[in-house]
Protein backbone atom coordinates (compact mmCIF):
# COMPACT_ATOMS: atom_id res chain seq x y z
CA MET A 1 -24.02 -11.69 -3.55
CA LYS A 2 -21.34 -13.98 -2.16
CA ALA A 3 -18.51 -15.11 -4.43
CA VAL A 4 -18.30 -18.48 -2.66
CA GLU A 5 -20.72 -20.18 -0.28
CA ILE A 6 -19.84 -23.64 1.04
CA THR A 7 -21.98 -25.62 3.49
CA ASP A 8 -20.83 -28.82 5.20
CA LEU A 9 -18.62 -29.92 2.30
CA ASN A 10 -17.23 -33.45 2.59
CA PHE A 11 -15.29 -35.27 -0.12
CA LYS A 12 -13.61 -38.65 -0.17
CA TYR A 13 -11.65 -39.82 -3.25
CA LYS A 14 -12.40 -43.20 -4.84
CA ASP A 15 -9.34 -44.71 -3.16
CA GLY A 16 -10.83 -43.85 0.23
CA THR A 17 -8.68 -40.78 0.94
CA GLU A 18 -10.70 -38.24 2.90
CA ALA A 19 -9.83 -34.84 1.42
CA LEU A 20 -12.45 -32.47 2.84
CA ASN A 21 -14.24 -32.79 6.14
CA GLY A 22 -17.15 -30.52 7.08
CA ILE A 23 -15.97 -27.36 5.28
CA ILE A 24 -18.12 -24.30 5.98
CA LEU A 25 -16.91 -21.19 4.18
CA SER A 26 -18.30 -17.90 2.93
CA ILE A 27 -16.22 -15.51 0.79
CA PRO A 28 -17.61 -12.08 -0.16
CA LYS A 29 -17.04 -10.71 -3.65
CA GLY A 30 -13.79 -8.80 -3.99
CA GLU A 31 -12.03 -10.47 -1.04
CA PHE A 32 -8.45 -11.73 -1.28
CA VAL A 33 -8.17 -15.00 0.65
CA VAL A 34 -5.00 -17.06 1.18
CA ILE A 35 -5.24 -20.72 2.19
CA THR A 36 -2.24 -22.38 3.80
CA GLY A 37 -1.40 -25.52 5.75
CA LYS A 38 0.63 -28.70 5.50
CA SER A 39 0.64 -30.95 2.42
CA GLY A 40 -2.40 -33.21 2.27
CA ALA A 41 -4.49 -30.79 4.32
CA GLY A 42 -7.12 -30.53 1.57
CA LYS A 43 -6.14 -27.15 0.07
CA SER A 44 -5.98 -28.30 -3.56
CA SER A 45 -9.17 -30.37 -3.18
CA LEU A 46 -10.99 -27.29 -1.90
CA CYS A 47 -9.78 -25.30 -4.92
CA LEU A 48 -10.91 -27.99 -7.36
CA SER A 49 -14.36 -28.07 -5.80
CA LEU A 50 -14.88 -24.43 -6.79
CA ASN A 51 -14.98 -25.04 -10.54
CA GLY A 52 -16.66 -28.45 -10.55
CA LEU A 53 -13.61 -30.61 -11.26
CA ILE A 54 -14.62 -32.13 -7.92
CA PRO A 55 -16.91 -34.07 -8.23
CA LYS A 56 -17.46 -33.95 -12.03
CA PHE A 57 -14.02 -35.22 -13.14
CA LEU A 58 -12.34 -36.31 -9.93
CA LYS A 59 -14.84 -38.86 -8.72
CA GLY A 60 -15.58 -39.77 -5.15
CA GLU A 61 -18.07 -39.45 -2.33
CA PHE A 62 -19.32 -35.83 -2.34
CA ARG A 63 -21.65 -34.41 0.31
CA GLY A 64 -22.69 -30.84 1.08
CA SER A 65 -23.05 -27.85 -1.23
CA VAL A 66 -20.73 -25.49 -3.08
CA SER A 67 -22.10 -22.34 -4.69
CA VAL A 68 -20.05 -19.84 -6.71
CA LEU A 69 -21.73 -16.57 -7.72
CA ASN A 70 -25.11 -18.20 -6.97
CA LYS A 71 -24.37 -21.17 -9.24
CA ASP A 72 -24.53 -24.60 -7.60
CA VAL A 73 -21.39 -26.47 -8.63
CA LYS A 74 -23.05 -29.90 -8.80
CA ASN A 75 -25.80 -28.66 -11.11
CA ASN A 76 -23.65 -26.73 -13.61
CA LYS A 77 -21.21 -27.89 -16.28
CA VAL A 78 -17.49 -27.34 -15.71
CA SER A 79 -17.35 -25.51 -19.06
CA GLU A 80 -19.89 -22.98 -17.75
CA LEU A 81 -18.23 -22.63 -14.36
CA ALA A 82 -14.88 -22.00 -16.08
CA LYS A 83 -16.23 -18.67 -17.33
CA LYS A 84 -16.73 -17.62 -13.71
CA VAL A 85 -13.89 -19.45 -11.92
CA GLY A 86 -10.37 -19.64 -13.34
CA VAL A 87 -7.99 -22.10 -11.67
CA VAL A 88 -4.21 -22.29 -11.96
CA PHE A 89 -3.29 -25.83 -10.92
CA GLN A 90 -0.54 -26.72 -8.49
CA ASP A 91 0.94 -28.79 -11.34
CA PHE A 92 0.89 -25.87 -13.77
CA ASP A 93 2.86 -27.88 -16.34
CA SER A 94 -0.24 -30.00 -16.92
CA GLN A 95 -2.13 -26.89 -18.10
CA LEU A 96 0.29 -26.04 -20.90
CA PHE A 97 -0.05 -27.73 -24.30
CA SER A 98 0.27 -25.10 -27.06
CA THR A 99 3.32 -24.62 -29.28
CA ASN A 100 3.84 -20.99 -28.35
CA VAL A 101 2.94 -18.61 -25.55
CA GLU A 102 0.52 -16.53 -27.61
CA LEU A 103 -1.60 -19.57 -28.53
CA GLU A 104 -1.56 -20.73 -24.92
CA VAL A 105 -2.91 -17.44 -23.62
CA ALA A 106 -5.41 -17.14 -26.49
CA PHE A 107 -6.92 -20.58 -25.83
CA THR A 108 -9.33 -19.53 -23.05
CA PRO A 109 -10.89 -16.44 -24.69
CA GLU A 110 -11.11 -18.32 -28.02
CA ASN A 111 -13.17 -21.04 -26.35
CA PHE A 112 -15.41 -18.39 -24.81
CA ASN A 113 -16.09 -17.04 -28.36
CA PHE A 114 -14.62 -13.58 -27.81
CA SER A 115 -14.02 -11.45 -30.88
CA LYS A 116 -10.61 -11.49 -32.55
CA LYS A 117 -9.99 -7.91 -31.42
CA GLU A 118 -10.93 -8.77 -27.82
CA ILE A 119 -8.72 -11.88 -27.86
CA GLU A 120 -5.73 -9.84 -29.01
CA SER A 121 -6.38 -7.27 -26.30
CA ARG A 122 -6.58 -9.97 -23.63
CA ILE A 123 -3.34 -11.62 -24.81
CA GLU A 124 -1.52 -8.29 -24.57
CA SER A 125 -2.92 -7.28 -21.19
CA SER A 126 -2.42 -10.72 -19.58
CA LEU A 127 1.18 -11.11 -20.76
CA SER A 128 1.97 -7.53 -19.77
CA LEU A 129 0.56 -8.10 -16.30
CA VAL A 130 2.86 -11.11 -15.64
CA GLY A 131 5.86 -9.56 -17.40
CA LEU A 132 6.02 -11.89 -20.42
CA SER A 133 5.15 -9.52 -23.29
CA LYS A 134 8.38 -10.41 -25.08
CA TYR A 135 7.67 -14.15 -24.89
CA ARG A 136 4.70 -14.36 -27.28
CA ASP A 137 6.52 -16.49 -29.87
CA ARG A 138 8.39 -18.71 -27.42
CA ASN A 139 7.62 -22.40 -26.99
CA PRO A 140 6.39 -22.92 -23.40
CA ALA A 141 8.23 -26.25 -23.25
CA LEU A 142 11.54 -24.41 -23.59
CA LEU A 143 10.88 -21.90 -20.80
CA SER A 144 12.12 -22.16 -17.23
CA GLY A 145 9.80 -23.55 -14.57
CA GLY A 146 9.01 -20.08 -13.25
CA GLU A 147 8.32 -18.70 -16.73
CA LYS A 148 5.96 -21.62 -17.45
CA GLN A 149 4.13 -20.82 -14.23
CA LEU A 150 3.63 -17.22 -15.34
CA VAL A 151 2.30 -18.43 -18.72
CA ALA A 152 -0.24 -20.64 -16.90
CA ILE A 153 -1.33 -17.64 -14.83
CA ALA A 154 -1.63 -15.43 -17.93
CA SER A 155 -3.73 -18.11 -19.67
CA ILE A 156 -6.26 -17.97 -16.83
CA LEU A 157 -6.26 -14.16 -16.58
CA SER A 158 -7.03 -13.89 -20.31
CA GLY A 159 -10.46 -15.41 -19.67
CA SER A 160 -11.21 -12.65 -17.14
CA PRO A 161 -13.05 -14.90 -14.66
CA GLU A 162 -14.75 -13.18 -11.73
CA ILE A 163 -13.07 -15.58 -9.29
CA ILE A 164 -9.37 -16.37 -9.71
CA VAL A 165 -8.04 -19.41 -7.87
CA MET A 166 -4.28 -20.05 -7.83
CA ASP A 167 -2.89 -23.18 -6.20
CA GLU A 168 0.64 -22.22 -5.07
CA PRO A 169 1.15 -19.56 -7.77
CA THR A 170 4.65 -18.61 -6.58
CA THR A 171 6.16 -22.05 -5.98
CA ASP A 172 8.60 -21.90 -8.95
CA LEU A 173 9.14 -18.15 -9.02
CA ASP A 174 12.23 -16.22 -8.03
CA PRO A 175 11.86 -13.69 -5.16
CA ALA A 176 11.10 -10.85 -7.57
CA GLY A 177 8.50 -13.00 -9.32
CA LYS A 178 6.83 -13.82 -6.01
CA GLU A 179 6.63 -10.13 -5.15
CA LYS A 180 5.25 -9.37 -8.61
CA ILE A 181 2.39 -11.86 -8.26
CA PHE A 182 1.32 -10.32 -4.97
CA THR A 183 1.77 -6.82 -6.38
CA ILE A 184 -0.57 -7.48 -9.30
CA THR A 185 -3.20 -8.75 -6.86
CA LYS A 186 -3.83 -5.09 -6.01
CA GLU A 187 -4.87 -4.53 -9.62
CA LEU A 188 -6.78 -7.82 -9.89
CA LYS A 189 -8.73 -7.14 -6.68
CA LYS A 190 -10.52 -4.24 -8.33
CA ASN A 191 -12.61 -6.63 -10.44
CA HIS A 192 -11.97 -10.12 -9.08
CA THR A 193 -12.27 -12.31 -6.01
CA LEU A 194 -8.89 -13.92 -5.33
CA ILE A 195 -8.26 -17.27 -3.64
CA PHE A 196 -4.62 -18.35 -3.36
CA VAL A 197 -2.97 -21.41 -1.83
CA GLU A 198 0.41 -20.23 -0.57
CA HIS A 199 3.32 -21.32 1.66
CA GLU A 200 5.31 -18.06 1.55
CA THR A 201 4.19 -16.46 4.82
CA GLU A 202 5.81 -13.05 4.31
CA GLU A 203 3.71 -12.53 1.18
CA ILE A 204 0.48 -13.60 2.92
CA LEU A 205 0.48 -10.27 4.78
CA ASN A 206 -0.95 -8.70 1.61
CA ALA A 207 -4.17 -10.73 1.83
CA ASP A 208 -7.47 -9.66 3.41
CA ARG A 209 -7.99 -13.01 5.08
CA MET A 210 -6.07 -16.17 5.90
CA LEU A 211 -7.31 -19.74 6.29
CA ILE A 212 -5.25 -22.57 7.78
CA MET A 213 -6.24 -26.12 6.84
CA ASN A 214 -5.33 -29.43 8.45
CA GLY A 215 -6.88 -32.87 8.00
CA GLY A 216 -9.42 -31.63 5.48
CA LYS A 217 -10.74 -28.99 7.87
CA ILE A 218 -10.38 -25.24 8.27
CA VAL A 219 -8.69 -24.99 11.67
CA ALA A 220 -8.14 -21.21 11.69
CA ASP A 221 -9.78 -18.30 9.88
CA GLY A 222 -8.76 -14.70 10.51
CA SER A 223 -6.66 -11.74 9.51
CA PRO A 224 -3.11 -12.58 8.31
CA LYS A 225 -1.50 -10.50 11.06
CA ASP A 226 -3.47 -12.23 13.81
CA LEU A 227 -2.65 -15.73 12.58
CA LEU A 228 0.94 -15.05 11.50
CA SER A 229 1.83 -13.76 14.95
CA ASP A 230 0.90 -17.14 16.46
CA VAL A 231 4.12 -19.12 15.90
CA GLU A 232 2.88 -22.21 17.72
CA LEU A 233 -0.30 -22.37 15.62
CA LEU A 234 1.68 -22.10 12.38
CA GLU A 235 4.29 -24.72 13.26
CA LYS A 236 1.58 -27.11 14.49
CA ASN A 237 -0.04 -26.89 11.06
CA GLY A 238 3.11 -27.11 8.92
CA VAL A 239 3.42 -23.42 8.08
CA ARG A 240 6.75 -21.60 8.32
CA PRO A 241 6.49 -18.70 10.78
CA LEU A 242 7.86 -15.26 10.02
CA ASP A 243 11.46 -14.84 11.16
CA LEU A 244 10.80 -11.77 13.31
CA CYS A 245 7.79 -13.34 15.03
CA ARG A 246 10.02 -16.28 15.95
CA LEU A 247 12.83 -13.97 17.11
CA PHE A 248 10.53 -11.93 19.35
CA LYS A 249 8.50 -14.91 20.60
CA ASN A 250 5.04 -14.40 19.07
CA GLU A 251 5.05 -10.60 19.23
CA PRO A 252 3.30 -9.14 16.17
CA VAL A 253 6.40 -7.89 14.34
CA PHE A 254 5.89 -7.91 10.59
CA SER A 255 8.24 -5.31 9.13
CA ILE A 256 11.99 -4.79 9.41
CA LYS A 257 11.41 -1.32 10.89
CA GLU A 258 9.13 -2.74 13.59
CA GLY A 259 11.80 -5.32 14.36
CA ILE A 260 14.58 -2.75 14.71
CA ASP A 261 12.43 -0.56 16.97
CA LEU A 262 11.58 -3.52 19.22
CA PHE A 263 15.21 -4.72 19.28
CA LYS A 264 16.28 -1.30 20.58
CA LYS A 265 13.36 -1.09 23.00
CA LYS A 266 14.34 -4.43 24.57
CA ARG A 267 17.97 -3.23 24.71
CA PHE A 268 19.30 -6.32 23.01
CA SER A 269 22.91 -6.38 21.80
CA ILE A 270 25.00 -8.79 19.76
CA SER A 271 28.23 -10.36 21.01
CA ASP A 272 30.99 -9.64 18.51
CA LYS A 273 32.98 -12.62 19.81
CA LEU A 274 30.10 -15.07 19.32
CA TYR A 275 29.37 -13.60 15.89
CA GLU A 276 32.99 -14.08 14.78
CA ASN A 277 32.78 -17.71 15.86
CA LEU A 278 30.09 -18.22 13.22
CA LYS A 279 32.62 -17.42 10.51
CA HIS A 280 34.76 -20.52 10.99
CA LYS A 281 36.20 -21.78 7.73
CA LYS A 282 35.69 -25.37 6.65
CA SER A 283 38.16 -27.01 4.29
CA TYR A 284 37.03 -29.23 1.43
CA GLY A 285 38.65 -31.98 -0.61
CA ARG A 286 40.01 -32.18 -4.13
CA PRO A 287 38.22 -30.61 -7.11
CA VAL A 288 35.46 -32.89 -8.40
CA LEU A 289 33.96 -30.47 -10.96
CA GLU A 290 36.07 -28.03 -12.97
CA ILE A 291 34.24 -25.79 -15.42
CA LYS A 292 36.06 -23.40 -17.74
CA ASP A 293 34.48 -20.91 -20.17
CA LEU A 294 31.32 -23.01 -20.49
CA THR A 295 29.06 -21.59 -23.22
CA TYR A 296 25.79 -22.97 -24.59
CA SER A 297 22.83 -21.64 -26.54
CA TYR A 298 19.40 -23.01 -27.47
CA GLY A 299 19.08 -20.51 -30.30
CA PRO A 300 20.54 -17.20 -31.53
CA GLN A 301 21.12 -15.92 -27.99
CA PHE A 302 23.45 -17.48 -25.43
CA SER A 303 21.70 -19.28 -22.59
CA ILE A 304 24.90 -19.49 -20.56
CA GLU A 305 28.17 -17.79 -21.43
CA LYS A 306 31.77 -18.23 -20.26
CA ILE A 307 31.03 -19.84 -16.91
CA SER A 308 34.13 -20.85 -14.98
CA LEU A 309 34.16 -22.32 -11.47
CA THR A 310 35.49 -25.23 -9.44
CA ILE A 311 33.50 -27.35 -6.98
CA ARG A 312 35.34 -29.45 -4.42
CA LYS A 313 34.47 -32.74 -2.79
CA GLY A 314 32.12 -32.30 0.17
CA GLU A 315 30.82 -28.83 -0.72
CA PHE A 316 27.13 -27.95 -0.41
CA VAL A 317 26.52 -25.45 -3.22
CA ALA A 318 23.33 -23.51 -3.96
CA ILE A 319 22.86 -22.09 -7.47
CA VAL A 320 20.46 -19.15 -7.39
CA GLY A 321 19.19 -16.47 -9.74
CA GLN A 322 16.01 -15.14 -11.26
CA ASN A 323 13.86 -17.23 -13.59
CA GLY A 324 15.55 -17.72 -16.95
CA SER A 325 19.04 -16.89 -15.64
CA GLY A 326 20.45 -20.21 -16.89
CA LYS A 327 20.62 -22.23 -13.66
CA THR A 328 19.06 -25.44 -14.95
CA THR A 329 20.81 -25.18 -18.31
CA PHE A 330 24.14 -24.92 -16.50
CA ALA A 331 23.38 -27.82 -14.14
CA LYS A 332 22.35 -30.13 -17.00
CA HIS A 333 25.88 -29.85 -18.38
CA LEU A 334 27.33 -31.33 -15.21
CA ASN A 335 26.07 -34.84 -15.92
CA GLY A 336 25.99 -34.77 -19.71
CA LEU A 337 22.29 -34.05 -20.24
CA LEU A 338 23.55 -31.12 -22.33
CA LEU A 339 26.92 -30.82 -24.08
CA PRO A 340 28.66 -27.43 -24.29
CA ASP A 341 29.00 -25.44 -27.48
CA ARG A 342 32.34 -24.18 -26.17
CA GLY A 343 34.44 -24.58 -23.05
CA GLU A 344 35.33 -27.62 -21.00
CA ILE A 345 34.01 -29.60 -18.04
CA LYS A 346 36.15 -31.98 -16.05
CA ILE A 347 34.75 -34.49 -13.57
CA ASN A 348 37.37 -35.91 -11.22
CA GLY A 349 40.02 -34.51 -13.53
CA VAL A 350 38.69 -36.21 -16.68
CA ASP A 351 37.04 -34.23 -19.50
CA ILE A 352 33.33 -35.00 -19.71
CA SER A 353 33.71 -36.03 -23.36
CA GLN A 354 35.91 -38.92 -22.23
CA TRP A 355 33.28 -40.36 -19.87
CA LYS A 356 30.95 -43.17 -20.88
CA ARG A 357 27.34 -42.05 -20.37
CA SER A 358 26.67 -44.96 -18.01
CA ASN A 359 29.70 -44.17 -15.85
CA LEU A 360 28.84 -40.48 -15.84
CA ALA A 361 25.28 -41.21 -14.68
CA ARG A 362 26.68 -43.27 -11.79
CA GLU A 363 29.11 -40.54 -10.77
CA VAL A 364 26.79 -37.51 -11.04
CA GLY A 365 23.19 -38.07 -9.97
CA TYR A 366 20.53 -35.59 -11.16
CA VAL A 367 17.09 -35.17 -9.55
CA PHE A 368 14.70 -33.21 -11.75
CA GLN A 369 12.64 -30.21 -10.68
CA ASN A 370 9.46 -32.29 -11.00
CA PRO A 371 9.97 -35.80 -9.59
CA ASP A 372 7.09 -37.06 -11.75
CA HIS A 373 9.31 -36.50 -14.79
CA GLN A 374 11.63 -39.30 -13.70
CA LEU A 375 9.27 -41.72 -11.93
CA PHE A 376 7.69 -44.47 -14.03
CA ALA A 377 7.83 -47.85 -12.25
CA GLU A 378 4.85 -49.57 -10.61
CA THR A 379 6.49 -49.91 -7.20
CA VAL A 380 8.97 -47.91 -5.17
CA LYS A 381 11.37 -50.87 -5.12
CA ASP A 382 11.32 -51.21 -8.92
CA GLU A 383 11.88 -47.46 -9.24
CA VAL A 384 14.87 -47.38 -6.92
CA SER A 385 16.45 -50.55 -8.33
CA PHE A 386 16.10 -49.52 -11.99
CA GLY A 387 19.39 -47.62 -12.22
CA PRO A 388 21.75 -50.08 -10.55
CA ARG A 389 20.06 -53.02 -12.31
CA ASN A 390 20.77 -51.41 -15.69
CA PHE A 391 24.34 -50.74 -14.63
CA GLY A 392 24.77 -54.47 -14.10
CA VAL A 393 25.06 -54.37 -10.31
CA PRO A 394 24.96 -57.94 -8.87
CA LYS A 395 21.64 -58.92 -7.27
CA GLU A 396 22.91 -59.10 -3.68
CA GLU A 397 24.64 -55.73 -3.94
CA LEU A 398 21.57 -54.26 -5.66
CA GLU A 399 19.24 -55.39 -2.87
CA LEU A 400 21.54 -53.85 -0.27
CA GLY A 401 21.80 -50.60 -2.24
CA VAL A 402 18.01 -50.29 -2.54
CA LYS A 403 17.56 -50.96 1.17
CA GLU A 404 20.22 -48.42 2.21
CA SER A 405 18.86 -45.80 -0.20
CA LEU A 406 15.31 -46.11 1.14
CA GLN A 407 16.61 -46.03 4.71
CA SER A 408 18.57 -42.85 3.99
CA VAL A 409 15.45 -41.02 2.75
CA GLY A 410 13.17 -42.41 5.45
CA LEU A 411 11.09 -44.61 3.14
CA GLU A 412 11.97 -48.07 4.40
CA GLY A 413 8.77 -50.15 4.30
CA TYR A 414 7.47 -48.35 1.17
CA GLU A 415 8.93 -50.92 -1.24
CA THR A 416 5.56 -52.18 -2.55
CA PHE A 417 3.87 -48.76 -2.78
CA ASP A 418 2.96 -47.19 -6.12
CA PRO A 419 5.18 -44.06 -6.32
CA PHE A 420 2.29 -42.02 -7.74
CA SER A 421 0.11 -42.79 -4.72
CA LEU A 422 2.58 -40.94 -2.48
CA THR A 423 2.65 -37.26 -1.53
CA LYS A 424 4.81 -34.80 -3.49
CA GLY A 425 7.41 -34.84 -0.71
CA GLU A 426 7.50 -38.64 -0.67
CA ARG A 427 7.78 -38.80 -4.47
CA GLN A 428 10.67 -36.36 -4.23
CA LYS A 429 12.36 -38.72 -1.77
CA VAL A 430 11.76 -41.71 -4.06
CA ALA A 431 13.47 -39.77 -6.87
CA VAL A 432 16.43 -39.05 -4.57
CA ALA A 433 16.60 -42.71 -3.46
CA SER A 434 16.57 -43.87 -7.09
CA ILE A 435 19.66 -41.77 -7.72
CA LEU A 436 21.37 -42.73 -4.45
CA ALA A 437 20.99 -46.43 -5.26
CA SER A 438 23.58 -46.01 -8.03
CA ARG A 439 25.93 -44.49 -5.41
CA PRO A 440 27.03 -41.28 -7.15
CA SER A 441 29.57 -39.05 -5.42
CA ILE A 442 27.92 -35.85 -6.71
CA LEU A 443 24.20 -35.16 -6.29
CA ILE A 444 22.42 -32.36 -8.18
CA LEU A 445 18.85 -31.43 -7.26
CA ASP A 446 16.80 -28.93 -9.25
CA GLU A 447 14.34 -27.15 -6.91
CA PRO A 448 14.23 -29.98 -4.33
CA THR A 449 11.64 -28.21 -2.14
CA THR A 450 9.14 -27.06 -4.78
CA GLY A 451 5.57 -27.73 -3.65
CA LEU A 452 6.67 -29.03 -0.24
CA ASP A 453 5.28 -27.68 3.01
CA TYR A 454 7.47 -26.43 5.85
CA TYR A 455 7.80 -29.88 7.47
CA GLU A 456 8.60 -31.59 4.15
CA THR A 457 11.09 -28.88 3.22
CA ARG A 458 12.92 -29.30 6.53
CA SER A 459 12.86 -33.08 6.08
CA MET A 460 14.28 -32.90 2.55
CA MET A 461 17.01 -30.43 3.46
CA ASN A 462 17.96 -32.35 6.62
CA LEU A 463 18.31 -35.43 4.42
CA LEU A 464 20.63 -33.57 2.04
CA THR A 465 22.65 -32.28 5.00
CA LYS A 466 23.03 -35.86 6.27
CA LEU A 467 24.17 -37.02 2.83
CA ASN A 468 26.60 -34.11 2.62
CA ARG A 469 28.12 -35.04 5.97
CA ALA A 470 28.42 -38.62 4.74
CA GLY A 471 30.69 -37.41 1.92
CA TYR A 472 28.36 -36.49 -0.94
CA THR A 473 28.98 -33.28 -2.86
CA ILE A 474 25.58 -31.56 -3.03
CA ILE A 475 24.46 -28.99 -5.61
CA ILE A 476 20.95 -27.54 -5.41
CA ILE A 477 19.09 -25.08 -7.61
CA THR A 478 16.52 -23.15 -5.60
CA HIS A 479 14.52 -19.93 -5.29
CA SER A 480 14.04 -20.39 -1.54
CA MET A 481 16.47 -17.97 0.04
CA TRP A 482 15.92 -19.17 3.61
CA VAL A 483 16.81 -22.69 2.46
CA VAL A 484 20.00 -21.35 0.86
CA CYS A 485 20.97 -19.45 4.01
CA GLU A 486 20.32 -22.25 6.46
CA TYR A 487 21.74 -25.20 4.53
CA SER A 488 24.31 -24.28 1.89
CA SER A 489 27.97 -23.51 2.51
CA ARG A 490 28.49 -21.74 -0.82
CA VAL A 491 26.30 -19.74 -3.17
CA VAL A 492 26.67 -19.23 -6.92
CA VAL A 493 24.51 -16.35 -8.21
CA MET A 494 23.61 -16.36 -11.91
CA ASP A 495 22.18 -13.55 -13.99
CA SER A 496 21.54 -13.55 -17.75
CA GLY A 497 23.53 -16.74 -18.25
CA ARG A 498 26.62 -15.65 -16.33
CA VAL A 499 27.99 -16.15 -12.82
CA VAL A 500 27.94 -12.73 -11.17
CA LEU A 501 28.71 -13.74 -7.59
CA ASP A 502 30.32 -16.81 -6.05
CA GLY A 503 31.38 -17.25 -2.44
CA LYS A 504 30.60 -18.50 1.04
CA THR A 505 26.95 -18.08 1.94
CA ARG A 506 27.47 -15.39 4.58
CA GLU A 507 29.76 -13.39 2.29
CA VAL A 508 27.28 -13.51 -0.59
CA PHE A 509 24.31 -12.46 1.54
CA SER A 510 26.27 -9.58 3.01
CA LYS A 511 26.27 -8.00 -0.48
CA GLU A 512 22.65 -6.96 -0.39
CA ASP A 513 22.91 -4.27 -3.07
CA LEU A 514 24.41 -6.69 -5.58
CA LEU A 515 21.78 -9.31 -4.74
CA ARG A 516 19.06 -6.72 -5.21
CA SER A 517 20.44 -5.94 -8.68
CA THR A 518 19.90 -9.60 -9.60
CA LYS A 519 16.34 -9.44 -8.19
CA LEU A 520 17.13 -11.72 -5.25
CA LYS A 521 15.71 -10.97 -1.82
CA PRO A 522 17.49 -12.25 1.32
CA PRO A 523 15.37 -13.81 4.09
CA GLN A 524 13.68 -11.46 6.55
CA ILE A 525 16.14 -12.23 9.37
CA THR A 526 19.12 -11.49 7.09
CA ARG A 527 17.67 -8.17 5.92
CA PHE A 528 16.94 -7.31 9.56
CA SER A 529 20.45 -8.19 10.77
CA ARG A 530 22.11 -6.20 7.98
CA LEU A 531 20.66 -3.05 9.59
CA LEU A 532 22.40 -4.13 12.81
CA GLY A 533 25.72 -4.34 10.97
CA LYS A 534 25.86 -8.16 10.87
CA THR A 535 24.83 -10.90 8.45
CA PHE A 536 22.87 -13.65 10.17
CA LEU A 537 21.58 -16.56 8.12
CA SER A 538 18.91 -17.83 10.52
CA VAL A 539 16.93 -16.87 13.61
CA GLU A 540 18.82 -19.52 15.59
CA GLU A 541 22.16 -17.95 14.70
CA LEU A 542 21.07 -14.52 15.89
CA LYS A 543 19.60 -15.86 19.12
CA LYS A 544 22.89 -17.60 19.97
CA CYS A 545 24.75 -14.30 19.65
CA LEU A 546 22.45 -12.13 21.78
CA ASN A 547 23.83 -10.66 25.00
């Protein structure tokens, strides 16, 4: 019996958006399939067609057939299909509603009428599997983004569906969390069929099969190694290629050891002179943020403790660390969203307690992890003009500010669009533009690339680089180590609420043992180059230094 059988599936949403176009797909029971591709390719729509949400709840023009475990999706209730197909949404926040983790994970087996003893067993096993056994009594709303994601995964696992579908299950997880999800797939595969949507190409190697989607179609279907070695195919479809495949021009090099062996075989060498030129030091301006002994707690335990650091004008700083390390809590102090229990924060030499909230909001702009949490207006123009209008900016100056902000993020001409009709990457840019319109000098972005494909990630980070060069001080919180390496000039590593490492990006990533102790994993090219005695931050850097 096939787990999934799809024949000529076509789906068009009510607004006319064509999501799926002639999908033909057969997935045997027990297979682990990863679907990838650019944003808007139809990946999420395909996932939602497997449990009946398309077309039962998300209405539109549906043609073709979808069968899961011999059940026709159109002719079965979603409540019945949910017993067979568990789906973790891309927007996992929307799946969480209970007041504590235990109730959240218990919800599915309770609704399937399992016995009390069985429910307890499933809560324990599901939380243990995702590493959240100690979080049973915690309120999901107070967890980090990555921890919430793990709760959403546990809540689906507790129902023990035969088919597990996860739409970008690692998007908010730290490197160790990403590895963990793909590690537990080995256990899950024993009794489940797994279908993941994923952008992290290094992890895709663990799958049995890889699908690439574009324009609502499956444009490639094969083994991960075959498809991942085709750099041109990946880039054409908005997927980030593996570093070593890019370095060795499409050769199938997937492990660090294979890379070292091929490097020696080709008799490559690195120019010490060119490598030293990469280490040029850039000077920055006056201190704009001065933090001393910052301490804050949500409850009996400290969330952040005795953090001290100085950020200068024009720096591009990445704050990294495992989920729950205190990154977002720390960042929310920098614009007054949270006030410290102890310690002091100075912005442009003035203690934060002396700032008016309105002035502080204009000086330090904050873009949330989920742009939908700060978008509310009916049009892009209204959204972007909201801040400066409330700050009393004159109409002529306001109009100019909105225009310049939209130009800077590449959304000129979108003024009349509904922000919620845009893609995740475009909504992220609207959120950035809405902050830029108030002309802050410091810009903080919490996970600015979450849920974005390779193209959108590059676009967002190139935008931030342009703003940085224009004089903005940029601070990002991210789990994407390749983004940190290629774009930031300084890295602050947090662990258990403290700063454990702070320095220039190359210096920080040269300390691989210390990074490993904080459960951070450098990009593939950096791990590879460390075995050559150097610390390269990108494939382009290494190529420039080859003899």
